Amino acid sequence: MTKSSTGETPFSLMYGAKSLMVEVGEPTLRYFQADEESNNEAILFNLELFDERRDLACIRMAAQKQRIERYYNRRSNLHYFKAGNLVLRKVTQNTRELNVGKLGPTWEGPYRVSAITGKGTYELENQNGEMLPNNWNVFHLKIYYC
């Protein structure tokens, strides 16, 4: 099957030729008219165009990635927090308490943003002023109170 991102089959990008579908049964008229010389010419012609087809597939893949990126950036609402903001932190699989089940809380906190460590990453502290471990400072934060 041809891929939508490249417009080519993976087989043709790897080996430079399209794969043949073998049918069981009566040979067709097309099969009888093919000879070895015309087959070799067709293979050489495909090999000459192989690099061009691969380059065009790479260009189509890059264009598709740019379209996906533009689509995501149009719809994403990024919010950056300042030091001192109160936030809720998303409860993930590795931070969830044992045996809570699906009815457990999805957000926990509130936590105070104590420092900004990078683009979208923060150091958090609880209400008592204790710093959370670095592996708990995740991207999933929600505004609690500004």
N, C-alpha and C. Protein backbone atom coordinates (compact mmCIF):
# COMPACT_ATOMS: atom_id res chain seq x y z
N MET A 1 0.85 -1.19 0.00
CA MET A 1 0.00 0.00 0.00
C MET A 1 0.89 1.24 0.00
N THR A 2 0.47 2.24 -0.75
CA THR A 2 1.21 3.50 -0.76
C THR A 2 0.93 4.26 0.52
N LYS A 3 1.95 4.92 1.03
CA LYS A 3 1.83 5.71 2.25
C LYS A 3 1.41 7.12 1.88
N SER A 4 0.56 7.73 2.71
CA SER A 4 0.08 9.08 2.40
C SER A 4 1.19 10.10 2.54
N SER A 5 2.17 9.84 3.40
CA SER A 5 3.23 10.83 3.60
C SER A 5 4.22 10.85 2.45
N THR A 6 4.49 9.72 1.83
CA THR A 6 5.50 9.66 0.77
C THR A 6 4.90 9.49 -0.61
N GLY A 7 3.73 8.92 -0.70
CA GLY A 7 3.14 8.62 -2.00
C GLY A 7 3.76 7.41 -2.66
N GLU A 8 4.60 6.70 -1.96
CA GLU A 8 5.29 5.52 -2.48
C GLU A 8 5.07 4.35 -1.54
N THR A 9 5.33 3.15 -2.04
CA THR A 9 5.29 1.98 -1.18
C THR A 9 6.65 1.84 -0.50
N PRO A 10 6.69 1.28 0.71
CA PRO A 10 7.98 1.09 1.37
C PRO A 10 8.92 0.20 0.54
N PHE A 11 8.37 -0.77 -0.16
CA PHE A 11 9.18 -1.66 -0.99
C PHE A 11 9.87 -0.88 -2.10
N SER A 12 9.14 0.03 -2.75
CA SER A 12 9.74 0.78 -3.86
C SER A 12 10.80 1.75 -3.37
N LEU A 13 10.64 2.31 -2.16
CA LEU A 13 11.66 3.20 -1.64
C LEU A 13 12.91 2.44 -1.21
N MET A 14 12.73 1.20 -0.82
CA MET A 14 13.88 0.41 -0.36
C MET A 14 14.64 -0.21 -1.53
N TYR A 15 13.93 -0.80 -2.46
CA TYR A 15 14.57 -1.58 -3.51
C TYR A 15 14.53 -0.91 -4.88
N GLY A 16 13.84 0.19 -5.03
CA GLY A 16 13.82 0.92 -6.28
C GLY A 16 12.87 0.38 -7.32
N ALA A 17 12.05 -0.57 -6.99
CA ALA A 17 11.09 -1.13 -7.94
C ALA A 17 9.82 -1.45 -7.20
N LYS A 18 8.73 -1.44 -7.93
CA LYS A 18 7.46 -1.79 -7.31
C LYS A 18 7.37 -3.30 -7.16
N SER A 19 6.68 -3.73 -6.12
CA SER A 19 6.54 -5.16 -5.89
C SER A 19 5.52 -5.73 -6.88
N LEU A 20 5.70 -6.96 -7.24
CA LEU A 20 4.80 -7.63 -8.16
C LEU A 20 3.80 -8.47 -7.38
N MET A 21 2.57 -8.40 -7.80
CA MET A 21 1.54 -9.23 -7.19
C MET A 21 1.44 -10.51 -8.03
N VAL A 22 1.62 -11.62 -7.42
CA VAL A 22 1.57 -12.89 -8.13
C VAL A 22 0.16 -13.45 -8.01
N GLU A 23 -0.43 -13.75 -9.15
CA GLU A 23 -1.76 -14.32 -9.16
C GLU A 23 -1.66 -15.80 -9.54
N VAL A 24 -2.41 -16.58 -8.86
CA VAL A 24 -2.43 -18.00 -9.16
C VAL A 24 -3.57 -18.23 -10.15
N GLY A 25 -3.26 -18.91 -11.23
CA GLY A 25 -4.30 -19.17 -12.21
C GLY A 25 -3.76 -19.01 -13.61
N GLU A 26 -4.62 -18.64 -14.53
CA GLU A 26 -4.25 -18.50 -15.93
C GLU A 26 -3.36 -17.28 -16.12
N PRO A 27 -2.27 -17.42 -16.87
CA PRO A 27 -1.45 -16.26 -17.18
C PRO A 27 -2.21 -15.28 -18.07
N THR A 28 -1.97 -14.01 -17.87
CA THR A 28 -2.69 -12.99 -18.63
C THR A 28 -1.95 -12.68 -19.92
N LEU A 29 -2.59 -11.92 -20.78
CA LEU A 29 -1.99 -11.51 -22.04
C LEU A 29 -0.75 -10.66 -21.80
N ARG A 30 -0.78 -9.85 -20.74
CA ARG A 30 0.36 -9.01 -20.41
C ARG A 30 1.59 -9.87 -20.11
N TYR A 31 1.39 -10.96 -19.44
CA TYR A 31 2.49 -11.86 -19.10
C TYR A 31 3.11 -12.46 -20.36
N PHE A 32 2.31 -12.80 -21.34
CA PHE A 32 2.83 -13.41 -22.56
C PHE A 32 3.59 -12.40 -23.42
N GLN A 33 3.24 -11.11 -23.36
CA GLN A 33 3.87 -10.12 -24.22
C GLN A 33 5.19 -9.61 -23.64
N ALA A 34 5.49 -9.86 -22.41
CA ALA A 34 6.73 -9.38 -21.79
C ALA A 34 7.88 -10.29 -22.21
N ASP A 35 9.00 -9.66 -22.50
CA ASP A 35 10.20 -10.43 -22.78
C ASP A 35 11.33 -9.93 -21.89
N GLU A 36 12.43 -10.65 -21.90
CA GLU A 36 13.52 -10.36 -20.97
C GLU A 36 14.18 -9.02 -21.28
N GLU A 37 14.33 -8.67 -22.54
CA GLU A 37 15.01 -7.43 -22.90
C GLU A 37 14.20 -6.21 -22.46
N SER A 38 12.90 -6.21 -22.73
CA SER A 38 12.07 -5.06 -22.31
C SER A 38 11.98 -4.99 -20.79
N ASN A 39 12.02 -6.13 -20.14
CA ASN A 39 12.00 -6.15 -18.67
C ASN A 39 13.28 -5.52 -18.12
N ASN A 40 14.43 -5.86 -18.70
CA ASN A 40 15.70 -5.26 -18.25
C ASN A 40 15.73 -3.76 -18.48
N GLU A 41 15.19 -3.30 -19.62
CA GLU A 41 15.14 -1.87 -19.89
C GLU A 41 14.27 -1.15 -18.87
N ALA A 42 13.14 -1.75 -18.53
CA ALA A 42 12.25 -1.13 -17.55
C ALA A 42 12.91 -1.06 -16.17
N ILE A 43 13.65 -2.10 -15.80
CA ILE A 43 14.34 -2.11 -14.51
C ILE A 43 15.42 -1.03 -14.48
N LEU A 44 16.21 -0.90 -15.57
CA LEU A 44 17.24 0.14 -15.63
C LEU A 44 16.64 1.53 -15.58
N PHE A 45 15.51 1.73 -16.26
CA PHE A 45 14.84 3.02 -16.23
C PHE A 45 14.37 3.36 -14.81
N ASN A 46 13.80 2.37 -14.11
CA ASN A 46 13.37 2.59 -12.73
C ASN A 46 14.54 2.89 -11.81
N LEU A 47 15.68 2.23 -12.03
CA LEU A 47 16.85 2.48 -11.19
C LEU A 47 17.41 3.89 -11.41
N GLU A 48 17.30 4.41 -12.65
CA GLU A 48 17.75 5.78 -12.90
C GLU A 48 16.89 6.79 -12.16
N LEU A 49 15.61 6.52 -12.04
CA LEU A 49 14.69 7.44 -11.38
C LEU A 49 14.58 7.18 -9.87
N PHE A 50 15.30 6.19 -9.38
CA PHE A 50 15.17 5.78 -7.98
C PHE A 50 15.53 6.91 -7.01
N ASP A 51 16.66 7.57 -7.23
CA ASP A 51 17.08 8.64 -6.32
C ASP A 51 16.10 9.81 -6.34
N GLU A 52 15.59 10.13 -7.53
CA GLU A 52 14.62 11.22 -7.63
C GLU A 52 13.34 10.88 -6.86
N ARG A 53 12.87 9.67 -7.01
CA ARG A 53 11.64 9.27 -6.30
C ARG A 53 11.86 9.30 -4.79
N ARG A 54 13.02 8.87 -4.34
CA ARG A 54 13.32 8.89 -2.91
C ARG A 54 13.40 10.33 -2.39
N ASP A 55 14.02 11.23 -3.17
CA ASP A 55 14.10 12.64 -2.77
C ASP A 55 12.71 13.28 -2.71
N LEU A 56 11.88 12.99 -3.70
CA LEU A 56 10.51 13.52 -3.69
C LEU A 56 9.72 13.00 -2.51
N ALA A 57 9.93 11.75 -2.13
CA ALA A 57 9.24 11.18 -0.97
C ALA A 57 9.69 11.88 0.30
N CYS A 58 10.98 12.19 0.42
CA CYS A 58 11.48 12.92 1.60
C CYS A 58 10.88 14.32 1.67
N ILE A 59 10.75 14.97 0.52
CA ILE A 59 10.16 16.31 0.49
C ILE A 59 8.70 16.26 0.92
N ARG A 60 7.96 15.26 0.44
CA ARG A 60 6.55 15.13 0.84
C ARG A 60 6.42 14.83 2.32
N MET A 61 7.33 14.02 2.87
CA MET A 61 7.29 13.73 4.31
C MET A 61 7.55 15.00 5.12
N ALA A 62 8.53 15.81 4.72
CA ALA A 62 8.82 17.05 5.44
C ALA A 62 7.64 18.01 5.36
N ALA A 63 6.99 18.09 4.19
CA ALA A 63 5.82 18.96 4.05
C ALA A 63 4.68 18.50 4.94
N GLN A 64 4.48 17.19 5.03
CA GLN A 64 3.42 16.67 5.89
C GLN A 64 3.71 16.98 7.36
N LYS A 65 4.97 16.86 7.78
CA LYS A 65 5.32 17.18 9.16
C LYS A 65 5.10 18.65 9.46
N GLN A 66 5.39 19.52 8.50
CA GLN A 66 5.14 20.94 8.70
C GLN A 66 3.66 21.23 8.80
N ARG A 67 2.83 20.55 7.99
CA ARG A 67 1.39 20.74 8.09
C ARG A 67 0.87 20.31 9.45
N ILE A 68 1.38 19.18 9.96
CA ILE A 68 0.95 18.69 11.27
C ILE A 68 1.38 19.67 12.36
N GLU A 69 2.60 20.21 12.25
CA GLU A 69 3.09 21.16 13.25
C GLU A 69 2.25 22.44 13.24
N ARG A 70 1.93 22.96 12.04
CA ARG A 70 1.09 24.15 11.96
C ARG A 70 -0.28 23.90 12.56
N TYR A 71 -0.86 22.73 12.29
CA TYR A 71 -2.17 22.38 12.84
C TYR A 71 -2.13 22.35 14.36
N TYR A 72 -1.09 21.74 14.93
CA TYR A 72 -0.96 21.67 16.39
C TYR A 72 -0.77 23.06 16.99
N ASN A 73 0.11 23.86 16.39
CA ASN A 73 0.39 25.19 16.94
C ASN A 73 -0.81 26.12 16.86
N ARG A 74 -1.67 25.94 15.85
CA ARG A 74 -2.87 26.76 15.75
C ARG A 74 -3.83 26.48 16.89
N ARG A 75 -3.90 25.23 17.35
CA ARG A 75 -4.91 24.85 18.31
C ARG A 75 -4.41 24.74 19.75
N SER A 76 -3.13 24.87 19.96
CA SER A 76 -2.61 24.71 21.31
C SER A 76 -2.61 26.05 22.04
N ASN A 77 -3.04 26.03 23.27
CA ASN A 77 -3.01 27.21 24.12
C ASN A 77 -1.95 26.99 25.19
N LEU A 78 -0.79 27.55 24.97
CA LEU A 78 0.28 27.39 25.93
C LEU A 78 0.17 28.49 26.97
N HIS A 79 0.39 28.12 28.22
CA HIS A 79 0.37 29.09 29.31
C HIS A 79 1.62 28.90 30.13
N TYR A 80 2.35 29.97 30.33
CA TYR A 80 3.57 29.90 31.12
C TYR A 80 3.29 30.51 32.48
N PHE A 81 3.76 29.84 33.52
CA PHE A 81 3.54 30.29 34.88
C PHE A 81 4.70 31.14 35.36
N LYS A 82 4.42 31.96 36.36
CA LYS A 82 5.45 32.79 36.98
C LYS A 82 5.74 32.23 38.35
N ALA A 83 6.90 32.58 38.89
CA ALA A 83 7.25 32.14 40.25
C ALA A 83 6.22 32.73 41.23
N GLY A 84 5.72 31.88 42.10
CA GLY A 84 4.72 32.30 43.08
C GLY A 84 3.31 31.90 42.73
N ASN A 85 3.04 31.49 41.50
CA ASN A 85 1.70 31.05 41.11
C ASN A 85 1.36 29.74 41.81
N LEU A 86 0.09 29.57 42.14
CA LEU A 86 -0.40 28.31 42.68
C LEU A 86 -0.95 27.48 41.54
N VAL A 87 -0.54 26.22 41.48
CA VAL A 87 -0.94 25.35 40.38
C VAL A 87 -1.37 24.00 40.93
N LEU A 88 -2.14 23.29 40.12
CA LEU A 88 -2.47 21.88 40.39
C LEU A 88 -1.61 21.04 39.46
N ARG A 89 -1.19 19.87 39.94
CA ARG A 89 -0.35 18.99 39.15
C ARG A 89 -1.16 17.77 38.76
N LYS A 90 -1.03 17.35 37.49
CA LYS A 90 -1.75 16.18 36.98
C LYS A 90 -1.19 14.92 37.61
N VAL A 91 -2.08 14.06 38.09
CA VAL A 91 -1.68 12.78 38.66
C VAL A 91 -1.47 11.82 37.50
N THR A 92 -0.26 11.27 37.38
CA THR A 92 0.06 10.34 36.31
C THR A 92 0.15 8.93 36.87
N GLN A 93 0.40 7.98 35.99
CA GLN A 93 0.44 6.57 36.39
C GLN A 93 1.52 6.32 37.44
N ASN A 94 2.68 6.96 37.30
CA ASN A 94 3.76 6.68 38.24
C ASN A 94 3.66 7.48 39.53
N THR A 95 2.82 8.52 39.60
CA THR A 95 2.67 9.29 40.83
C THR A 95 1.37 8.98 41.56
N ARG A 96 0.55 8.12 41.00
CA ARG A 96 -0.74 7.78 41.61
C ARG A 96 -0.52 6.87 42.81
N GLU A 97 -1.35 7.06 43.83
CA GLU A 97 -1.28 6.19 45.01
C GLU A 97 -1.75 4.79 44.62
N LEU A 98 -1.23 3.80 45.31
CA LEU A 98 -1.60 2.42 45.02
C LEU A 98 -3.05 2.15 45.42
N ASN A 99 -3.71 1.30 44.66
CA ASN A 99 -5.07 0.83 44.92
C ASN A 99 -6.10 1.96 44.99
N VAL A 100 -5.89 3.05 44.25
CA VAL A 100 -6.87 4.13 44.23
C VAL A 100 -7.94 3.84 43.18
N GLY A 101 -7.52 3.25 42.06
CA GLY A 101 -8.47 2.90 41.01
C GLY A 101 -8.82 4.08 40.14
N LYS A 102 -9.87 3.90 39.34
CA LYS A 102 -10.23 4.94 38.38
C LYS A 102 -10.99 6.10 39.01
N LEU A 103 -11.45 5.93 40.25
CA LEU A 103 -12.19 7.01 40.90
C LEU A 103 -11.28 7.91 41.72
N GLY A 104 -9.99 7.72 41.65
CA GLY A 104 -9.04 8.57 42.37
C GLY A 104 -8.95 9.94 41.74
N PRO A 105 -8.33 10.88 42.42
CA PRO A 105 -8.23 12.25 41.89
C PRO A 105 -7.32 12.31 40.66
N THR A 106 -7.64 13.22 39.74
CA THR A 106 -6.82 13.39 38.55
C THR A 106 -5.85 14.55 38.70
N TRP A 107 -6.11 15.44 39.65
CA TRP A 107 -5.22 16.56 39.92
C TRP A 107 -4.89 16.56 41.40
N GLU A 108 -3.70 16.99 41.74
CA GLU A 108 -3.33 17.10 43.15
C GLU A 108 -2.63 18.43 43.37
N GLY A 109 -2.68 18.87 44.59
CA GLY A 109 -2.04 20.13 44.91
C GLY A 109 -2.89 20.88 45.91
N PRO A 110 -2.79 22.14 46.05
CA PRO A 110 -2.05 23.07 45.21
C PRO A 110 -0.56 23.10 45.55
N TYR A 111 0.22 23.41 44.55
CA TYR A 111 1.66 23.59 44.70
C TYR A 111 2.01 25.01 44.25
N ARG A 112 3.08 25.53 44.81
CA ARG A 112 3.56 26.86 44.44
C ARG A 112 4.75 26.70 43.50
N VAL A 113 4.77 27.49 42.43
CA VAL A 113 5.91 27.50 41.52
C VAL A 113 7.02 28.30 42.20
N SER A 114 8.11 27.63 42.54
CA SER A 114 9.19 28.32 43.24
C SER A 114 10.24 28.86 42.27
N ALA A 115 10.47 28.19 41.16
CA ALA A 115 11.45 28.65 40.19
C ALA A 115 11.11 28.10 38.82
N ILE A 116 11.53 28.81 37.79
CA ILE A 116 11.35 28.36 36.41
C ILE A 116 12.69 27.80 35.96
N THR A 117 12.72 26.50 35.63
CA THR A 117 13.99 25.85 35.27
C THR A 117 14.22 25.79 33.77
N GLY A 118 13.20 26.00 32.99
CA GLY A 118 13.34 25.94 31.53
C GLY A 118 12.02 26.31 30.90
N LYS A 119 11.93 26.15 29.59
CA LYS A 119 10.70 26.48 28.88
C LYS A 119 9.64 25.44 29.21
N GLY A 120 8.69 25.81 30.05
CA GLY A 120 7.61 24.90 30.41
C GLY A 120 7.95 23.96 31.55
N THR A 121 9.10 24.10 32.19
CA THR A 121 9.45 23.26 33.34
C THR A 121 9.66 24.14 34.55
N TYR A 122 9.20 23.64 35.70
CA TYR A 122 9.18 24.44 36.91
C TYR A 122 9.62 23.61 38.10
N GLU A 123 10.10 24.29 39.13
CA GLU A 123 10.33 23.65 40.43
C GLU A 123 9.12 23.97 41.29
N LEU A 124 8.56 22.93 41.90
CA LEU A 124 7.35 23.09 42.69
C LEU A 124 7.64 22.84 44.16
N GLU A 125 6.87 23.51 45.00
CA GLU A 125 6.94 23.27 46.44
C GLU A 125 5.52 23.19 46.96
N ASN A 126 5.35 22.42 48.03
CA ASN A 126 4.01 22.30 48.60
C ASN A 126 3.73 23.48 49.52
N GLN A 127 2.58 23.47 50.20
CA GLN A 127 2.18 24.60 51.04
C GLN A 127 3.11 24.79 52.24
N ASN A 128 3.81 23.73 52.67
CA ASN A 128 4.73 23.82 53.80
C ASN A 128 6.10 24.34 53.39
N GLY A 129 6.35 24.55 52.12
CA GLY A 129 7.62 25.04 51.64
C GLY A 129 8.61 23.94 51.28
N GLU A 130 8.18 22.67 51.33
CA GLU A 130 9.06 21.56 50.97
C GLU A 130 9.09 21.40 49.45
N MET A 131 10.29 21.29 48.91
CA MET A 131 10.44 21.14 47.46
C MET A 131 10.04 19.73 47.04
N LEU A 132 9.36 19.62 45.91
CA LEU A 132 9.04 18.31 45.35
C LEU A 132 10.28 17.75 44.66
N PRO A 133 10.44 16.44 44.61
CA PRO A 133 11.57 15.87 43.86
C PRO A 133 11.49 16.25 42.39
N ASN A 134 12.64 16.28 41.71
CA ASN A 134 12.68 16.72 40.31
C ASN A 134 11.85 15.85 39.39
N ASN A 135 11.71 14.56 39.70
CA ASN A 135 10.93 13.70 38.82
C ASN A 135 9.43 13.96 38.96
N TRP A 136 9.00 14.76 39.93
CA TRP A 136 7.59 15.11 40.07
C TRP A 136 7.25 16.38 39.33
N ASN A 137 8.24 17.16 38.96
CA ASN A 137 7.99 18.43 38.28
C ASN A 137 7.74 18.12 36.80
N VAL A 138 6.48 18.00 36.46
CA VAL A 138 6.11 17.58 35.11
C VAL A 138 5.43 18.73 34.38
N PHE A 139 5.17 18.54 33.11
CA PHE A 139 4.59 19.57 32.28
C PHE A 139 3.10 19.76 32.51
N HIS A 140 2.43 18.81 33.11
CA HIS A 140 0.98 18.85 33.23
C HIS A 140 0.58 19.65 34.46
N LEU A 141 0.47 20.96 34.31
CA LEU A 141 0.06 21.82 35.38
C LEU A 141 -1.22 22.55 34.97
N LYS A 142 -1.99 22.95 35.93
CA LYS A 142 -3.23 23.65 35.67
C LYS A 142 -3.30 24.85 36.61
N ILE A 143 -3.82 25.95 36.14
CA ILE A 143 -3.93 27.14 36.99
C ILE A 143 -4.90 26.87 38.12
N TYR A 144 -4.47 27.13 39.32
CA TYR A 144 -5.35 27.00 40.49
C TYR A 144 -5.78 28.37 40.96
N TYR A 145 -4.82 29.25 41.14
CA TYR A 145 -5.12 30.59 41.61
C TYR A 145 -3.96 31.47 41.19
N CYS A 146 -4.24 32.63 40.65
CA CYS A 146 -3.18 33.57 40.26
C CYS A 146 -3.08 34.71 41.24
